[in-house]
PDB file of N, CA and C in Angstrom:
ATOM      1  N   MET A   1     -13.112  13.820   6.554  1.00  0.00           N
ATOM      2  CA  MET A   1     -13.678  12.546   6.163  1.00  0.00           C
ATOM      3  C   MET A   1     -12.702  11.441   6.533  1.00  0.00           C
ATOM      4  N   ASN A   2     -13.182  10.447   7.229  1.00  0.00           N
ATOM      5  CA  ASN A   2     -12.367   9.297   7.618  1.00  0.00           C
ATOM      6  C   ASN A   2     -12.628   8.196   6.604  1.00  0.00           C
ATOM      7  N   LEU A   3     -11.827   8.144   5.559  1.00  0.00           N
ATOM      8  CA  LEU A   3     -12.074   7.266   4.419  1.00  0.00           C
ATOM      9  C   LEU A   3     -12.208   5.795   4.789  1.00  0.00           C
ATOM     10  N   PRO A   4     -11.265   5.167   5.515  1.00  0.00           N
ATOM     11  CA  PRO A   4     -11.443   3.745   5.809  1.00  0.00           C
ATOM     12  C   PRO A   4     -12.755   3.439   6.531  1.00  0.00           C
ATOM     13  N   SER A   5     -13.167   4.280   7.446  1.00  0.00           N
ATOM     14  CA  SER A   5     -14.421   4.066   8.152  1.00  0.00           C
ATOM     15  C   SER A   5     -15.602   4.208   7.197  1.00  0.00           C
ATOM     16  N   ASP A   6     -15.556   5.203   6.322  1.00  0.00           N
ATOM     17  CA  ASP A   6     -16.632   5.408   5.361  1.00  0.00           C
ATOM     18  C   ASP A   6     -16.770   4.207   4.440  1.00  0.00           C
ATOM     19  N   ILE A   7     -15.651   3.687   3.951  1.00  0.00           N
ATOM     20  CA  ILE A   7     -15.678   2.542   3.053  1.00  0.00           C
ATOM     21  C   ILE A   7     -16.156   1.301   3.800  1.00  0.00           C
ATOM     22  N   ALA A   8     -15.711   1.126   5.019  1.00  0.00           N
ATOM     23  CA  ALA A   8     -16.097  -0.046   5.798  1.00  0.00           C
ATOM     24  C   ALA A   8     -17.601  -0.082   6.057  1.00  0.00           C
ATOM     25  N   ASN A   9     -18.244   1.065   6.047  1.00  0.00           N
ATOM     26  CA  ASN A   9     -19.683   1.147   6.318  1.00  0.00           C
ATOM     27  C   ASN A   9     -20.528   1.269   5.061  1.00  0.00           C
ATOM     28  N   ALA A  10     -19.914   1.128   3.891  1.00  0.00           N
ATOM     29  CA  ALA A  10     -20.652   1.264   2.628  1.00  0.00           C
ATOM     30  C   ALA A  10     -21.679   0.145   2.487  1.00  0.00           C
ATOM     31  N   LYS A  11     -22.762   0.443   1.806  1.00  0.00           N
ATOM     32  CA  LYS A  11     -23.813  -0.549   1.582  1.00  0.00           C
ATOM     33  C   LYS A  11     -23.380  -1.595   0.558  1.00  0.00           C
ATOM     34  N   ASP A  12     -22.648  -1.186  -0.442  1.00  0.00           N
ATOM     35  CA  ASP A  12     -22.224  -2.079  -1.519  1.00  0.00           C
ATOM     36  C   ASP A  12     -21.065  -2.957  -1.043  1.00  0.00           C
ATOM     37  N   PRO A  13     -21.208  -4.272  -1.096  1.00  0.00           N
ATOM     38  CA  PRO A  13     -20.145  -5.161  -0.618  1.00  0.00           C
ATOM     39  C   PRO A  13     -18.849  -5.020  -1.417  1.00  0.00           C
ATOM     40  N   ASP A  14     -18.944  -4.659  -2.700  1.00  0.00           N
ATOM     41  CA  ASP A  14     -17.741  -4.461  -3.504  1.00  0.00           C
ATOM     42  C   ASP A  14     -16.951  -3.246  -3.012  1.00  0.00           C
ATOM     43  N   VAL A  15     -17.665  -2.204  -2.636  1.00  0.00           N
ATOM     44  CA  VAL A  15     -16.999  -1.010  -2.103  1.00  0.00           C
ATOM     45  C   VAL A  15     -16.348  -1.341  -0.761  1.00  0.00           C
ATOM     46  N   ARG A  16     -17.038  -2.084   0.079  1.00  0.00           N
ATOM     47  CA  ARG A  16     -16.457  -2.476   1.369  1.00  0.00           C
ATOM     48  C   ARG A  16     -15.182  -3.287   1.174  1.00  0.00           C
ATOM     49  N   ALA A  17     -15.160  -4.139   0.173  1.00  0.00           N
ATOM     50  CA  ALA A  17     -13.994  -4.993  -0.077  1.00  0.00           C
ATOM     51  C   ALA A  17     -12.862  -4.247  -0.773  1.00  0.00           C
ATOM     52  N   SER A  18     -13.140  -3.085  -1.331  1.00  0.00           N
ATOM     53  CA  SER A  18     -12.134  -2.381  -2.132  1.00  0.00           C
ATOM     54  C   SER A  18     -10.919  -1.933  -1.331  1.00  0.00           C
ATOM     55  N   LEU A  19     -11.087  -1.568  -0.081  1.00  0.00           N
ATOM     56  CA  LEU A  19      -9.950  -1.114   0.723  1.00  0.00           C
ATOM     57  C   LEU A  19      -8.932  -2.238   0.903  1.00  0.00           C
ATOM     58  N   ASN A  20      -9.410  -3.434   1.223  1.00  0.00           N
ATOM     59  CA  ASN A  20      -8.497  -4.569   1.347  1.00  0.00           C
ATOM     60  C   ASN A  20      -7.858  -4.910   0.007  1.00  0.00           C
ATOM     61  N   ALA A  21      -8.610  -4.783  -1.076  1.00  0.00           N
ATOM     62  CA  ALA A  21      -8.057  -5.049  -2.408  1.00  0.00           C
ATOM     63  C   ALA A  21      -6.938  -4.059  -2.733  1.00  0.00           C
ATOM     64  N   LEU A  22      -7.135  -2.806  -2.387  1.00  0.00           N
ATOM     65  CA  LEU A  22      -6.091  -1.797  -2.619  1.00  0.00           C
ATOM     66  C   LEU A  22      -4.852  -2.086  -1.777  1.00  0.00           C
ATOM     67  N   ARG A  23      -5.061  -2.528  -0.552  1.00  0.00           N
ATOM     68  CA  ARG A  23      -3.919  -2.871   0.304  1.00  0.00           C
ATOM     69  C   ARG A  23      -3.143  -4.053  -0.264  1.00  0.00           C
ATOM     70  N   ARG A  24      -3.863  -5.057  -0.768  1.00  0.00           N
ATOM     71  CA  ARG A  24      -3.192  -6.211  -1.388  1.00  0.00           C
ATOM     72  C   ARG A  24      -2.420  -5.780  -2.629  1.00  0.00           C
ATOM     73  N   ALA A  25      -3.008  -4.917  -3.434  1.00  0.00           N
ATOM     74  CA  ALA A  25      -2.343  -4.427  -4.649  1.00  0.00           C
ATOM     75  C   ALA A  25      -1.086  -3.636  -4.297  1.00  0.00           C
ATOM     76  N   ALA A  26      -1.157  -2.819  -3.259  1.00  0.00           N
ATOM     77  CA  ALA A  26       0.018  -2.044  -2.832  1.00  0.00           C
ATOM     78  C   ALA A  26       1.128  -2.966  -2.351  1.00  0.00           C
ATOM     79  N   GLN A  27       0.768  -4.006  -1.600  1.00  0.00           N
ATOM     80  CA  GLN A  27       1.769  -4.969  -1.125  1.00  0.00           C
ATOM     81  C   GLN A  27       2.417  -5.682  -2.306  1.00  0.00           C
ATOM     82  N   LEU A  28       1.621  -6.073  -3.293  1.00  0.00           N
ATOM     83  CA  LEU A  28       2.162  -6.744  -4.472  1.00  0.00           C
ATOM     84  C   LEU A  28       3.083  -5.802  -5.260  1.00  0.00           C
ATOM     85  N   ALA A  29       2.714  -4.533  -5.345  1.00  0.00           N
ATOM     86  CA  ALA A  29       3.570  -3.559  -6.036  1.00  0.00           C
ATOM     87  C   ALA A  29       4.908  -3.414  -5.323  1.00  0.00           C
ATOM     88  N   ARG A  30       4.889  -3.383  -3.979  1.00  0.00           N
ATOM     89  CA  ARG A  30       6.150  -3.302  -3.225  1.00  0.00           C
ATOM     90  C   ARG A  30       6.995  -4.551  -3.447  1.00  0.00           C
ATOM     91  N   LYS A  31       6.359  -5.706  -3.417  1.00  0.00           N
ATOM     92  CA  LYS A  31       7.079  -6.967  -3.618  1.00  0.00           C
ATOM     93  C   LYS A  31       7.706  -7.011  -5.008  1.00  0.00           C
ATOM     94  N   THR A  32       6.943  -6.633  -6.029  1.00  0.00           N
ATOM     95  CA  THR A  32       7.443  -6.628  -7.399  1.00  0.00           C
ATOM     96  C   THR A  32       8.596  -5.647  -7.559  1.00  0.00           C
ATOM     97  N   ALA A  33       8.480  -4.479  -6.943  1.00  0.00           N
ATOM     98  CA  ALA A  33       9.554  -3.479  -7.015  1.00  0.00           C
ATOM     99  C   ALA A  33      10.836  -4.021  -6.392  1.00  0.00           C
ATOM    100  N   MET A  34      10.720  -4.723  -5.276  1.00  0.00           N
ATOM    101  CA  MET A  34      11.913  -5.284  -4.643  1.00  0.00           C
ATOM    102  C   MET A  34      12.519  -6.389  -5.499  1.00  0.00           C
ATOM    103  N   GLN A  35      11.677  -7.213  -6.125  1.00  0.00           N
ATOM    104  CA  GLN A  35      12.171  -8.302  -6.959  1.00  0.00           C
ATOM    105  C   GLN A  35      12.857  -7.797  -8.226  1.00  0.00           C
ATOM    106  N   THR A  36      12.376  -6.684  -8.756  1.00  0.00           N
ATOM    107  CA  THR A  36      12.915  -6.148 -10.010  1.00  0.00           C
ATOM    108  C   THR A  36      13.878  -4.991  -9.787  1.00  0.00           C
ATOM    109  N   ASN A  37      14.130  -4.676  -8.521  1.00  0.00           N
ATOM    110  CA  ASN A  37      15.030  -3.586  -8.142  1.00  0.00           C
ATOM    111  C   ASN A  37      14.637  -2.261  -8.789  1.00  0.00           C
ATOM    112  N   THR A  38      13.353  -1.963  -8.727  1.00  0.00           N
ATOM    113  CA  THR A  38      12.834  -0.708  -9.262  1.00  0.00           C
ATOM    114  C   THR A  38      12.162   0.089  -8.146  1.00  0.00           C
ATOM    115  N   SER A  39      11.889   1.328  -8.419  1.00  0.00           N
ATOM    116  CA  SER A  39      11.229   2.202  -7.445  1.00  0.00           C
ATOM    117  C   SER A  39       9.718   2.164  -7.646  1.00  0.00           C
ATOM    118  N   ILE A  40       9.008   2.547  -6.599  1.00  0.00           N
ATOM    119  CA  ILE A  40       7.574   2.792  -6.721  1.00  0.00           C
ATOM    120  C   ILE A  40       7.345   4.271  -6.451  1.00  0.00           C
ATOM    121  N   VAL A  41       6.231   4.761  -6.893  1.00  0.00           N
ATOM    122  CA  VAL A  41       5.867   6.160  -6.670  1.00  0.00           C
ATOM    123  C   VAL A  41       4.660   6.174  -5.745  1.00  0.00           C
ATOM    124  N   ILE A  42       4.771   6.942  -4.653  1.00  0.00           N
ATOM    125  CA  ILE A  42       3.684   7.048  -3.682  1.00  0.00           C
ATOM    126  C   ILE A  42       3.446   8.518  -3.373  1.00  0.00           C
ATOM    127  N   VAL A  43       2.368   8.790  -2.681  1.00  0.00           N
ATOM    128  CA  VAL A  43       2.119  10.136  -2.152  1.00  0.00           C
ATOM    129  C   VAL A  43       2.296  10.044  -0.649  1.00  0.00           C
ATOM    130  N   ARG A  44       3.255  10.811  -0.131  1.00  0.00           N
ATOM    131  CA  ARG A  44       3.555  10.829   1.305  1.00  0.00           C
ATOM    132  C   ARG A  44       3.446  12.276   1.775  1.00  0.00           C
ATOM    133  N   ASP A  45       2.569  12.505   2.719  1.00  0.00           N
ATOM    134  CA  ASP A  45       2.344  13.858   3.254  1.00  0.00           C
ATOM    135  C   ASP A  45       2.035  14.855   2.145  1.00  0.00           C
ATOM    136  N   GLY A  46       1.251  14.406   1.166  1.00  0.00           N
ATOM    137  CA  GLY A  46       0.829  15.286   0.079  1.00  0.00           C
ATOM    138  C   GLY A  46       1.865  15.512  -1.002  1.00  0.00           C
ATOM    139  N   GLN A  47       3.003  14.844  -0.912  1.00  0.00           N
ATOM    140  CA  GLN A  47       4.075  15.006  -1.896  1.00  0.00           C
ATOM    141  C   GLN A  47       4.299  13.701  -2.647  1.00  0.00           C
ATOM    142  N   VAL A  48       4.554  13.789  -3.955  1.00  0.00           N
ATOM    143  CA  VAL A  48       4.886  12.614  -4.749  1.00  0.00           C
ATOM    144  C   VAL A  48       6.325  12.224  -4.424  1.00  0.00           C
ATOM    145  N   VAL A  49       6.517  10.947  -4.057  1.00  0.00           N
ATOM    146  CA  VAL A  49       7.828  10.464  -3.614  1.00  0.00           C
ATOM    147  C   VAL A  49       8.163   9.179  -4.354  1.00  0.00           C
ATOM    148  N   HIS A  50       9.395   9.068  -4.828  1.00  0.00           N
ATOM    149  CA  HIS A  50       9.904   7.822  -5.412  1.00  0.00           C
ATOM    150  C   HIS A  50      10.584   7.051  -4.285  1.00  0.00           C
ATOM    151  N   VAL A  51      10.163   5.823  -4.073  1.00  0.00           N
ATOM    152  CA  VAL A  51      10.732   4.984  -3.022  1.00  0.00           C
ATOM    153  C   VAL A  51      11.514   3.869  -3.699  1.00  0.00           C
ATOM    154  N   SER A  52      12.809   3.802  -3.420  1.00  0.00           N
ATOM    155  CA  SER A  52      13.662   2.803  -4.064  1.00  0.00           C
ATOM    156  C   SER A  52      13.404   1.412  -3.500  1.00  0.00           C
ATOM    157  N   ALA A  53      13.812   0.417  -4.260  1.00  0.00           N
ATOM    158  CA  ALA A  53      13.699  -0.968  -3.796  1.00  0.00           C
ATOM    159  C   ALA A  53      14.514  -1.157  -2.520  1.00  0.00           C
ATOM    160  N   GLN A  54      15.655  -0.510  -2.435  1.00  0.00           N
ATOM    161  CA  GLN A  54      16.499  -0.615  -1.237  1.00  0.00           C
ATOM    162  C   GLN A  54      15.759  -0.082  -0.012  1.00  0.00           C
ATOM    163  N   GLU A  55      15.097   1.054  -0.161  1.00  0.00           N
ATOM    164  CA  GLU A  55      14.329   1.610   0.963  1.00  0.00           C
ATOM    165  C   GLU A  55      13.160   0.700   1.332  1.00  0.00           C
ATOM    166  N   LEU A  56      12.516   0.112   0.332  1.00  0.00           N
ATOM    167  CA  LEU A  56      11.424  -0.826   0.607  1.00  0.00           C
ATOM    168  C   LEU A  56      11.936  -2.019   1.396  1.00  0.00           C
ATOM    169  N   ARG A  57      13.105  -2.514   1.028  1.00  0.00           N
ATOM    170  CA  ARG A  57      13.676  -3.662   1.747  1.00  0.00           C
ATOM    171  C   ARG A  57      13.969  -3.305   3.200  1.00  0.00           C
ATOM    172  N   ARG A  58      14.491  -2.114   3.421  1.00  0.00           N
ATOM    173  CA  ARG A  58      14.765  -1.683   4.811  1.00  0.00           C
ATOM    174  C   ARG A  58      13.468  -1.603   5.598  1.00  0.00           C
ATOM    175  N   THR A  59      12.415  -1.107   4.983  1.00  0.00           N
ATOM    176  CA  THR A  59      11.117  -0.981   5.644  1.00  0.00           C
ATOM    177  C   THR A  59      10.566  -2.352   6.007  1.00  0.00           C
ATOM    178  N   VAL A  60      10.695  -3.312   5.108  1.00  0.00           N
ATOM    179  CA  VAL A  60      10.188  -4.667   5.346  1.00  0.00           C
ATOM    180  C   VAL A  60      10.905  -5.309   6.517  1.00  0.00           C
ATOM    181  N   THR A  61      12.192  -5.094   6.657  1.00  0.00           N
ATOM    182  CA  THR A  61      12.942  -5.725   7.734  1.00  0.00           C
ATOM    183  C   THR A  61      12.641  -5.083   9.085  1.00  0.00           C
ATOM    184  N   ARG A  62      12.130  -3.852   9.100  1.00  0.00           N
ATOM    185  CA  ARG A  62      11.818  -3.177  10.349  1.00  0.00           C
ATOM    186  C   ARG A  62      10.399  -3.434  10.837  1.00  0.00           C
ATOM    187  N   GLU A  63       9.465  -3.717   9.924  1.00  0.00           N
ATOM    188  CA  GLU A  63       8.061  -3.844  10.294  1.00  0.00           C
ATOM    189  C   GLU A  63       7.632  -5.294  10.360  1.00  0.00           C
ATOM    190  N   PRO A  64       6.817  -5.638  11.359  1.00  0.00           N
ATOM    191  CA  PRO A  64       6.264  -6.995  11.411  1.00  0.00           C
ATOM    192  C   PRO A  64       5.195  -7.180  10.333  1.00  0.00           C
ATOM    193  N   ALA A  65       4.921  -8.395   9.959  1.00  0.00           N
ATOM    194  CA  ALA A  65       3.892  -8.705   8.971  1.00  0.00           C
ATOM    195  C   ALA A  65       2.520  -8.323   9.518  1.00  0.00           C
ATOM    196  N   HIS A  66       1.621  -7.896   8.630  1.00  0.00           N
ATOM    197  CA  HIS A  66       0.271  -7.460   9.021  1.00  0.00           C
ATOM    198  C   HIS A  66      -0.778  -8.412   8.494  1.00  0.00           C
ATOM    199  N   ASP A  67      -0.576  -9.714   8.563  1.00  0.00           N
ATOM    200  CA  ASP A  67      -1.559 -10.671   8.037  1.00  0.00           C
ATOM    201  C   ASP A  67      -2.359 -11.294   9.114  1.00  0.00           C
TER     202      ASP A  67
END
């Protein structure tokens, strides 16, 4: 199942908008973690991973903005 494609083709406009809302929420969580010097918890390759604020900062400096 290709989730982003499935959501993008949903009949309900709220469901279609949910993927972007989740992306915005994830970005805000990363920003808050960096501001408060705390970790976030994510699932990476099927494993629960704690990502430190320091690692988030390194990631931000390597990646261009996606806006």
